[in-house]
Amino acid sequence: MKIRAGYDIAFNCAQEVPMLLLLSVHPSRQHDLLTEHVIRFSPDVEARDFRDAFGNICTRLVSPPGIIEVRNEFLISDTGLPDEVNFRAEQWPVGDLPDEALIYLLGSRYCDTQKLSNDAWSMFGGIQGGWQRVQAICNYVHDRIEFGYHHARGDRTASEGHEERIGVCRDFAHLAVTLCRCMNIPARYCTGYLGDIGVPRDPAPMDFSAWFEVFLAGRWYTFDARHNHPRIGRIVIARGRDAADVAISTAFGSAALTRFNVITEEVVYQDQLQAAE
């Protein structure tokens, strides 16, 4: 399967503004790129990439005053398979976890584990099996939170989302990540592309998506509390402790978002169209 993805974003800067962008495909998926993957700026500015502490590709620049446009469009190969399911994946004892997984057991900016630990153990402590426990958490979060773009709030923590019972995909991910960490299951926040592939098309404008990964049976598995079923065509951009680590843009000054368009769609060739007629 081939997927066309990209974005067309614009900011209006009141003055020169240093900016940090996380808009590049994650290194783990760059070998799947079929075309060049280049972030283009208008007006042209000097920018450079570096790897952050989580291995994500970050882009640094200083925007001039006025409108700056940020664009990219590329083709990427995908297996076309849904998220992997492994009901036998077991939770490892904390003492057996690799060093690099331990940070994903700790509370973070939006994943306030200390406020939800008692609730988590009362609800999920009796569930046996790592996969079964994580799936129970996903089921709970999926039912607990009402999705709506009008519910978006950039500073909502997991405990607040749990109490308010509303949110967007980041709130589903934050709550699920937090509950997993409360149960001593390493969980990390992910952001990237997720198109309507293999599912009915969502009439809402396309956006980047948030999901999460958990460490079970010696490796990371993908879960999605918002959709709560395996999906096709995820393209990860960044991973971190929570949304604070993987914001698509961070401006160190006044930079108002004036345009935001995201593309994620399966490429359908003409011969496939003709065969379907």
Protein backbone atom coordinates (compact mmCIF):
# COMPACT_ATOMS: atom_id res chain seq x y z
CA MET A 1 0.00 0.00 0.00
CA LYS A 2 1.11 3.55 -0.75
CA ILE A 3 -0.04 6.53 1.31
CA ARG A 4 0.13 10.19 0.36
CA ALA A 5 0.67 12.41 3.38
CA GLY A 6 1.69 15.93 4.21
CA TYR A 7 0.59 19.29 5.51
CA ASP A 8 0.17 22.97 4.67
CA ILE A 9 0.53 25.10 7.80
CA ALA A 10 0.95 28.86 8.26
CA PHE A 11 1.79 31.09 11.20
CA ASN A 12 1.63 34.87 11.56
CA CYS A 13 4.58 36.09 13.61
CA ALA A 14 4.50 39.52 15.21
CA GLN A 15 8.30 39.70 15.14
CA GLU A 16 11.25 37.34 14.67
CA VAL A 17 10.28 34.15 16.48
CA PRO A 18 12.50 31.12 17.14
CA MET A 19 10.49 27.95 16.46
CA LEU A 20 10.84 24.23 17.05
CA LEU A 21 8.91 21.86 14.77
CA LEU A 22 8.27 18.12 15.03
CA LEU A 23 6.91 17.50 11.55
CA SER A 24 9.30 14.91 10.10
CA VAL A 25 8.42 11.24 9.76
CA HIS A 26 9.99 9.29 12.62
CA PRO A 27 13.35 7.64 11.83
CA SER A 28 11.75 4.20 12.26
CA ARG A 29 9.60 4.86 9.17
CA GLN A 30 12.02 6.78 6.95
CA HIS A 31 13.12 3.63 5.12
CA ASP A 32 9.51 3.37 3.87
CA LEU A 33 9.58 6.77 2.12
CA LEU A 34 9.06 6.54 -1.64
CA THR A 35 9.63 10.22 -2.44
CA GLU A 36 11.70 12.97 -0.93
CA HIS A 37 10.63 14.21 2.47
CA VAL A 38 11.52 17.90 2.67
CA ILE A 39 9.97 20.61 4.81
CA ARG A 40 9.60 23.73 2.65
CA PHE A 41 9.25 27.23 4.03
CA SER A 42 7.87 30.38 2.43
CA PRO A 43 9.58 32.75 2.73
CA ASP A 44 12.72 30.64 2.60
CA VAL A 45 14.49 30.46 5.96
CA GLU A 46 17.52 28.67 7.29
CA ALA A 47 16.53 25.55 9.24
CA ARG A 48 18.35 22.56 10.63
CA ASP A 49 17.38 19.20 12.09
CA PHE A 50 18.52 17.43 15.24
CA ARG A 51 17.47 14.39 17.29
CA ASP A 52 15.83 15.03 20.65
CA ALA A 53 16.20 12.87 23.77
CA PHE A 54 13.48 10.50 22.52
CA GLY A 55 14.99 9.99 19.06
CA ASN A 56 12.51 12.23 17.22
CA ILE A 57 13.62 14.50 14.36
CA CYS A 58 13.20 18.15 15.34
CA THR A 59 13.58 21.20 13.09
CA ARG A 60 14.91 24.54 14.35
CA LEU A 61 14.39 27.87 12.63
CA VAL A 62 13.87 31.56 13.28
CA SER A 63 10.76 32.86 11.54
CA PRO A 64 10.82 36.41 10.19
CA PRO A 65 7.96 38.79 11.02
CA GLY A 66 4.74 38.17 9.10
CA ILE A 67 3.31 35.02 7.55
CA ILE A 68 5.49 31.91 7.34
CA GLU A 69 4.18 28.89 5.43
CA VAL A 70 5.34 25.35 6.20
CA ARG A 71 4.63 22.60 3.66
CA ASN A 72 5.49 19.01 2.91
CA GLU A 73 3.96 16.24 0.81
CA PHE A 74 5.35 12.75 0.28
CA LEU A 75 4.55 9.13 -0.56
CA ILE A 76 5.28 6.36 1.88
CA SER A 77 4.94 2.59 1.65
CA ASP A 78 2.86 0.75 4.25
CA THR A 79 2.12 -2.91 4.88
CA GLY A 80 -1.62 -2.27 4.70
CA LEU A 81 -2.01 -4.45 7.78
CA PRO A 82 -3.95 -3.35 10.86
CA ASP A 83 -2.27 -2.77 14.22
CA GLU A 84 -0.85 -6.01 15.56
CA VAL A 85 -2.85 -7.88 18.19
CA ASN A 86 -1.14 -10.33 20.59
CA PHE A 87 -3.42 -11.58 23.33
CA ARG A 88 -0.50 -13.57 24.83
CA ALA A 89 1.71 -10.52 25.38
CA GLU A 90 2.50 -10.49 29.10
CA GLN A 91 3.35 -7.65 31.44
CA TRP A 92 6.91 -7.85 32.71
CA PRO A 93 7.80 -7.22 36.35
CA VAL A 94 9.35 -3.79 36.85
CA GLY A 95 12.65 -5.39 37.84
CA ASP A 96 12.89 -7.08 34.44
CA LEU A 97 12.18 -4.02 32.32
CA PRO A 98 14.97 -2.55 30.15
CA ASP A 99 16.46 0.69 31.43
CA GLU A 100 15.05 2.77 28.57
CA ALA A 101 11.46 1.73 29.42
CA LEU A 102 11.55 2.97 33.01
CA ILE A 103 10.96 6.62 32.13
CA TYR A 104 7.59 5.59 30.71
CA LEU A 105 6.45 4.43 34.15
CA LEU A 106 6.82 7.90 35.65
CA GLY A 107 4.32 10.72 35.88
CA SER A 108 4.75 13.59 33.42
CA ARG A 109 3.26 16.99 32.56
CA TYR A 110 -0.12 15.69 31.35
CA CYS A 111 0.02 12.18 32.79
CA ASP A 112 -0.50 12.85 36.51
CA THR A 113 -0.24 9.28 37.77
CA GLN A 114 -0.35 10.22 41.45
CA LYS A 115 -3.96 11.38 41.09
CA LEU A 116 -5.24 8.22 39.38
CA SER A 117 -3.20 5.42 40.95
CA ASN A 118 -5.82 4.30 43.48
CA ASP A 119 -8.59 4.37 40.88
CA ALA A 120 -6.45 2.40 38.44
CA TRP A 121 -5.66 -0.37 40.89
CA SER A 122 -9.26 -0.63 42.04
CA MET A 123 -10.50 -1.01 38.46
CA PHE A 124 -7.73 -3.02 36.77
CA GLY A 125 -5.77 -4.69 39.57
CA GLY A 126 -7.77 -7.90 39.33
CA ILE A 127 -7.29 -8.37 35.59
CA GLN A 128 -4.72 -11.01 34.67
CA GLY A 129 -2.54 -10.80 31.57
CA GLY A 130 -0.75 -7.78 30.19
CA TRP A 131 -2.67 -7.48 26.94
CA GLN A 132 -6.01 -8.05 28.65
CA ARG A 133 -5.23 -5.37 31.23
CA VAL A 134 -4.25 -2.78 28.60
CA GLN A 135 -7.31 -3.59 26.52
CA ALA A 136 -9.52 -3.17 29.58
CA ILE A 137 -7.95 0.26 30.09
CA CYS A 138 -8.64 1.15 26.46
CA ASN A 139 -12.25 0.02 26.77
CA TYR A 140 -12.69 2.11 29.89
CA VAL A 141 -11.15 5.27 28.40
CA HIS A 142 -13.07 4.83 25.15
CA ASP A 143 -16.35 4.70 27.06
CA ARG A 144 -15.38 7.33 29.64
CA ILE A 145 -14.49 10.23 27.31
CA GLU A 146 -16.78 11.87 24.76
CA PHE A 147 -14.83 12.87 21.64
CA GLY A 148 -15.37 16.28 20.08
CA TYR A 149 -13.05 18.82 18.44
CA HIS A 150 -14.92 21.54 20.31
CA HIS A 151 -13.75 19.89 23.55
CA ALA A 152 -10.07 20.56 22.76
CA ARG A 153 -8.08 22.21 25.54
CA GLY A 154 -4.30 22.41 25.40
CA ASP A 155 -3.64 22.19 29.15
CA ARG A 156 -5.98 19.33 30.16
CA THR A 157 -4.28 16.64 32.25
CA ALA A 158 -5.27 12.99 32.35
CA SER A 159 -7.01 13.34 35.72
CA GLU A 160 -8.92 16.38 34.47
CA GLY A 161 -9.98 14.50 31.36
CA HIS A 162 -11.12 11.66 33.57
CA GLU A 163 -13.28 14.03 35.60
CA GLU A 164 -14.55 16.18 32.70
CA ARG A 165 -15.24 13.13 30.51
CA ILE A 166 -14.66 15.09 27.29
CA GLY A 167 -11.69 15.58 25.00
CA VAL A 168 -9.89 14.93 21.72
CA CYS A 169 -7.49 12.16 20.73
CA ARG A 170 -4.68 13.51 22.92
CA ASP A 171 -6.94 13.29 25.98
CA PHE A 172 -7.81 9.65 25.23
CA ALA A 173 -4.10 8.88 24.88
CA HIS A 174 -3.10 10.78 28.02
CA LEU A 175 -5.67 9.01 30.19
CA ALA A 176 -4.83 5.56 28.83
CA VAL A 177 -1.08 6.17 29.18
CA THR A 178 -1.57 7.35 32.76
CA LEU A 179 -3.67 4.36 33.78
CA CYS A 180 -1.15 1.97 32.23
CA ARG A 181 1.72 3.63 34.12
CA CYS A 182 -0.29 3.39 37.34
CA MET A 183 -0.41 -0.37 36.71
CA ASN A 184 3.39 -0.52 36.17
CA ILE A 185 3.05 -0.96 32.40
CA PRO A 186 5.43 1.32 30.45
CA ALA A 187 3.39 3.51 28.11
CA ARG A 188 4.47 6.26 25.71
CA TYR A 189 2.53 8.90 23.81
CA CYS A 190 2.65 8.92 19.99
CA THR A 191 1.66 11.48 17.39
CA GLY A 192 1.48 11.09 13.64
CA TYR A 193 -0.72 10.54 10.62
CA LEU A 194 -3.80 8.30 10.67
CA GLY A 195 -6.02 8.48 7.62
CA ASP A 196 -9.47 7.01 7.09
CA ILE A 197 -8.12 3.84 5.49
CA GLY A 198 -10.31 0.76 5.80
CA VAL A 199 -12.94 2.70 7.75
CA PRO A 200 -15.76 5.12 6.77
CA ARG A 201 -14.46 8.59 5.94
CA ASP A 202 -14.70 11.08 8.77
CA PRO A 203 -16.38 14.27 7.48
CA ALA A 204 -14.30 16.42 9.84
CA PRO A 205 -11.14 18.04 8.44
CA MET A 206 -8.06 15.82 8.57
CA ASP A 207 -5.73 16.37 11.52
CA PHE A 208 -2.71 14.72 13.06
CA SER A 209 -3.65 11.94 15.46
CA ALA A 210 -2.52 10.74 18.88
CA TRP A 211 -2.30 7.16 20.12
CA PHE A 212 0.00 5.28 22.49
CA GLU A 213 2.34 2.31 22.77
CA VAL A 214 2.90 -0.07 25.67
CA PHE A 215 5.83 -2.33 26.49
CA LEU A 216 4.68 -5.93 26.80
CA ALA A 217 6.55 -9.22 26.31
CA GLY A 218 9.78 -7.44 25.47
CA ARG A 219 8.56 -5.04 22.77
CA TRP A 220 6.27 -2.08 22.08
CA TYR A 221 2.67 -2.54 20.86
CA THR A 222 0.27 0.07 19.48
CA PHE A 223 -3.05 0.86 21.18
CA ASP A 224 -5.63 3.54 20.43
CA ALA A 225 -8.18 4.35 23.12
CA ARG A 226 -10.12 6.78 20.95
CA HIS A 227 -10.87 4.40 18.07
CA ASN A 228 -10.41 1.25 20.18
CA HIS A 229 -9.87 -1.14 17.29
CA PRO A 230 -6.88 -1.92 15.05
CA ARG A 231 -6.34 0.65 12.31
CA ILE A 232 -4.43 0.65 9.03
CA GLY A 233 -1.81 3.12 7.88
CA ARG A 234 -0.39 4.78 11.00
CA ILE A 235 2.67 6.91 10.25
CA VAL A 236 4.42 7.91 13.44
CA ILE A 237 6.07 11.31 13.66
CA ALA A 238 7.19 11.41 17.28
CA ARG A 239 7.10 9.54 20.59
CA GLY A 240 7.48 10.90 24.10
CA ARG A 241 6.17 10.94 27.64
CA ASP A 242 3.12 12.99 26.68
CA ALA A 243 2.02 15.75 24.30
CA ALA A 244 4.46 18.23 25.83
CA ASP A 245 7.36 16.22 24.39
CA VAL A 246 5.95 15.93 20.86
CA ALA A 247 4.19 19.22 20.10
CA ILE A 248 4.21 19.73 16.32
CA SER A 249 5.24 23.36 16.86
CA THR A 250 6.70 25.33 19.73
CA ALA A 251 7.10 29.07 19.24
CA PHE A 252 9.30 31.13 21.54
CA GLY A 253 7.27 34.27 20.89
CA SER A 254 3.99 35.33 19.31
CA ALA A 255 3.10 33.06 16.35
CA ALA A 256 -0.62 32.76 15.59
CA LEU A 257 -1.74 29.71 13.64
CA THR A 258 -3.52 30.96 10.50
CA ARG A 259 -3.78 27.82 8.34
CA PHE A 260 -3.70 24.12 9.16
CA ASN A 261 -4.31 21.45 6.54
CA VAL A 262 -3.24 17.81 6.83
CA ILE A 263 -3.37 15.13 4.11
CA THR A 264 -3.37 11.38 4.76
CA GLU A 265 -4.89 9.12 2.12
CA GLU A 266 -4.30 5.85 0.35
CA VAL A 267 -3.04 6.20 -3.21
CA VAL A 268 -5.50 4.59 -5.61
CA TYR A 269 -4.15 4.08 -9.12
CA GLN A 270 -6.15 4.52 -12.30
CA ASP A 271 -6.09 0.81 -13.13
CA GLN A 272 -7.50 0.04 -9.70
CA LEU A 273 -10.29 2.53 -10.32
CA GLN A 274 -11.08 0.97 -13.69
CA ALA A 275 -11.11 -2.54 -12.22
CA ALA A 276 -13.62 -1.44 -9.63
CA GLU A 277 -16.03 -0.01 -12.23
